[in-house]
Protein backbone atom coordinates (compact mmCIF):
# COMPACT_ATOMS: atom_id res chain seq x y z
CA MET A 1 108.79 120.72 114.29
CA THR A 2 109.09 121.94 110.51
CA TYR A 3 112.29 122.09 108.48
CA LEU A 4 113.60 122.71 105.08
CA ARG A 5 116.61 121.56 103.58
CA SER A 6 117.85 122.85 100.50
CA LYS A 7 121.58 123.07 100.05
CA ARG A 8 123.32 120.56 98.07
CA ALA A 9 126.54 118.64 97.94
CA GLN A 10 128.04 115.95 95.97
CA LEU A 11 128.19 112.29 97.47
CA HIS A 12 129.99 109.38 95.08
CA GLY A 13 128.77 111.63 92.28
CA LYS A 14 125.30 111.77 93.49
CA SER A 15 123.66 114.91 94.42
CA MET A 16 122.31 114.89 98.14
CA LEU A 17 120.87 117.19 100.46
CA LYS A 18 123.61 118.69 102.75
CA VAL A 19 122.16 120.63 105.98
CA ASN A 20 119.34 122.22 107.39
CA SER A 21 118.50 125.67 105.90
CA LEU A 22 115.34 126.59 107.81
CA ILE A 23 114.02 124.94 110.92
CA SER A 24 111.37 125.43 113.44
CA PRO A 25 112.01 126.86 116.76
CA LEU A 26 110.06 124.00 118.32
CA VAL A 27 113.31 121.92 117.95
CA GLU A 28 114.27 123.49 121.24
CA SER A 29 111.59 121.50 123.18
CA ILE A 30 111.72 118.58 121.03
CA LEU A 31 115.69 117.94 121.09
CA GLY A 32 117.16 120.44 123.04
CA TYR A 33 119.09 122.73 120.29
CA ARG A 34 118.02 126.07 119.25
CA PRO A 35 117.40 126.49 115.35
CA ASP A 36 120.55 128.65 114.85
CA GLU A 37 122.83 125.81 116.28
CA LEU A 38 121.19 123.40 113.29
CA ILE A 39 120.70 125.67 110.58
CA GLY A 40 123.76 125.49 108.17
CA LYS A 41 125.64 123.14 110.57
CA GLN A 42 124.00 119.71 110.96
CA HIS A 43 123.11 117.20 108.56
CA PHE A 44 119.57 115.26 109.54
CA TYR A 45 121.26 112.23 110.49
CA ASP A 46 123.94 114.12 112.71
CA LEU A 47 120.94 114.28 115.19
CA SER A 48 120.46 110.47 115.40
CA GLN A 49 122.19 108.23 117.80
CA LYS A 50 125.62 107.31 116.42
CA ARG A 51 124.81 103.63 115.88
CA ASN A 52 121.77 104.54 113.53
CA ALA A 53 123.06 107.56 111.79
CA ARG A 54 124.60 105.36 108.96
CA HIS A 55 121.36 103.30 108.56
CA LEU A 56 119.17 106.61 108.83
CA LYS A 57 121.41 108.29 106.26
CA HIS A 58 120.81 105.98 103.67
CA LYS A 59 117.52 105.04 104.34
CA HIS A 60 116.20 108.73 104.44
CA LEU A 61 118.28 109.67 101.12
CA LYS A 62 116.48 106.59 99.65
CA TYR A 63 112.72 108.27 100.22
CA LEU A 64 114.10 111.81 99.50
CA ARG A 65 114.90 110.66 95.83
CA VAL A 66 111.43 109.85 94.74
CA ARG A 67 108.35 111.71 96.29
CA LEU A 68 106.32 112.39 99.29
CA PHE A 69 106.96 110.72 102.45
CA GLN A 70 104.88 110.12 105.37
CA ASP A 71 104.89 107.84 108.67
CA LEU A 72 108.82 107.42 108.68
CA VAL A 73 109.71 106.76 112.21
CA ASN A 74 113.51 107.52 113.14
CA VAL A 75 115.34 107.77 116.22
CA ALA A 76 117.07 111.05 117.11
CA GLN A 77 119.25 112.15 120.21
CA HIS A 78 118.04 114.87 122.37
CA ARG A 79 121.16 117.35 123.35
CA ASN A 80 121.30 116.00 126.62
CA GLY A 81 121.65 112.10 125.21
CA GLN A 82 118.23 110.91 125.75
CA ARG A 83 116.33 108.73 122.65
CA VAL A 84 113.70 110.91 120.88
CA TRP A 85 111.39 108.92 118.52
CA LEU A 86 110.40 111.22 115.84
CA LEU A 87 107.63 110.57 113.14
CA THR A 88 108.59 112.29 109.73
CA HIS A 89 106.86 113.43 106.91
CA GLY A 90 108.65 115.13 103.90
CA GLN A 91 108.04 116.39 100.51
CA PRO A 92 110.73 116.97 97.71
CA PHE A 93 111.01 119.49 95.40
CA PHE A 94 112.42 119.59 92.30
CA ASP A 95 113.78 122.17 89.66
CA ALA A 96 112.08 122.09 86.11
CA ASN A 97 114.54 119.76 84.90
CA GLY A 98 113.59 117.31 87.76
CA THR A 99 116.68 117.89 89.64
CA LEU A 100 116.16 117.56 93.56
CA LEU A 101 116.49 121.01 95.03
CA GLY A 102 115.67 119.98 98.49
CA TYR A 103 112.50 118.76 100.71
CA ARG A 104 110.39 120.52 103.45
CA GLY A 105 108.60 118.63 105.83
CA ALA A 106 107.59 117.83 109.48
CA ASP A 107 108.82 115.81 112.61
CA GLN A 108 106.55 114.86 115.21
CA ASP A 109 107.74 113.80 118.83
CA VAL A 110 106.27 110.62 119.30
CA THR A 111 108.59 109.18 122.06
CA ALA A 112 105.70 108.46 124.54
CA TRP A 113 103.97 106.55 121.97
CA GLN A 114 107.10 104.28 121.06
CA GLU A 115 107.69 103.90 124.75
CA ALA A 116 104.00 102.71 125.48
CA LEU A 117 104.13 100.14 122.70
CA SER A 118 107.44 99.03 124.03
CA ARG A 119 105.93 98.27 127.34
CA LEU A 120 102.90 96.88 125.78
CA ALA A 121 105.06 94.10 123.84
CA ALA A 122 107.11 93.45 127.11
CA SER A 123 103.63 93.06 129.26
CA GLU A 124 102.19 91.01 126.05
CA GLN A 125 105.50 88.67 126.42
CA ARG A 126 104.85 88.35 130.28
CA PHE A 127 101.31 87.29 129.59
CA ARG A 128 102.34 84.78 127.15
CA ILE A 129 104.68 83.17 129.30
CA VAL A 130 102.38 82.90 132.49
CA PHE A 131 99.38 81.98 130.32
CA ASP A 132 101.41 78.89 128.54
CA HIS A 133 102.91 77.74 131.69
CA ALA A 134 100.02 77.83 134.23
CA PRO A 135 99.48 74.53 135.70
CA LEU A 136 95.45 74.76 135.23
CA GLY A 137 94.09 74.49 131.85
CA ILE A 138 92.97 77.89 130.35
CA ALA A 139 91.09 78.46 126.83
CA ILE A 140 89.90 81.65 125.15
CA PRO A 141 87.62 81.48 122.57
CA ASP A 142 86.25 84.49 119.95
CA ALA A 143 82.62 85.19 119.50
CA LYS A 144 82.22 82.18 117.05
CA ARG A 145 83.32 79.95 119.97
CA ARG A 146 87.02 79.24 118.03
CA PHE A 147 89.88 79.01 120.52
CA ILE A 148 91.93 82.07 119.90
CA TYR A 149 94.32 81.55 122.90
CA ILE A 150 94.82 78.14 124.64
CA ASN A 151 97.50 76.82 126.94
CA HIS A 152 99.69 73.45 127.16
CA ALA A 153 97.65 72.45 130.15
CA TYR A 154 94.35 72.80 128.59
CA ALA A 155 95.36 71.05 125.37
CA LYS A 156 96.69 68.48 127.42
CA LEU A 157 93.06 68.01 129.08
CA LEU A 158 91.84 67.50 125.65
CA GLY A 159 94.54 65.26 124.66
CA ARG A 160 95.78 67.29 121.76
CA ASP A 161 98.79 69.57 120.77
CA VAL A 162 97.93 73.33 121.23
CA ARG A 163 98.73 74.07 117.63
CA ARG A 164 95.97 71.51 116.62
CA CYS A 165 93.52 73.18 119.03
CA TRP A 166 93.76 76.78 117.64
CA ASP A 167 90.78 77.65 115.17
CA SER A 168 88.79 74.60 116.88
CA VAL A 169 85.50 75.01 117.82
CA LEU A 170 84.57 75.16 121.36
CA THR A 171 81.77 72.82 122.20
CA ALA A 172 79.45 72.60 125.47
């Protein structure tokens, strides 16, 4: 989804971007809004979840004042209330005096990726709990035969603390 924001307003004496002035029709498939519902009517942070709007506004404006930004991950809210993760890339543009006129950029829906990362983190947490508390000694060495994972039961068999076993070399 591509966009252009170029209308300006004043906030605490500082110039800032006000609203969307051009937005791709893809916004409807990503966020559930038609472009005409957003152009000239919505701030970029209005589409974020309420609890994140203030943080996103200040974080985003910080990036705008300098130069090209990319890979900014932020959360928007679909018209139906669902959370949508966006990967944002933007390019500010300035007049001859260096005054910020607006910026153009693109948002990519990375919701599936973020949800997969969340599931992976939860799975990793479950693995660590089971691994650490298994009644059998378990150790996993790397290619150089150094312990990269070792549980409490295995360390007890060696007569050592788990932390002292990491990076030790597995001997036959």
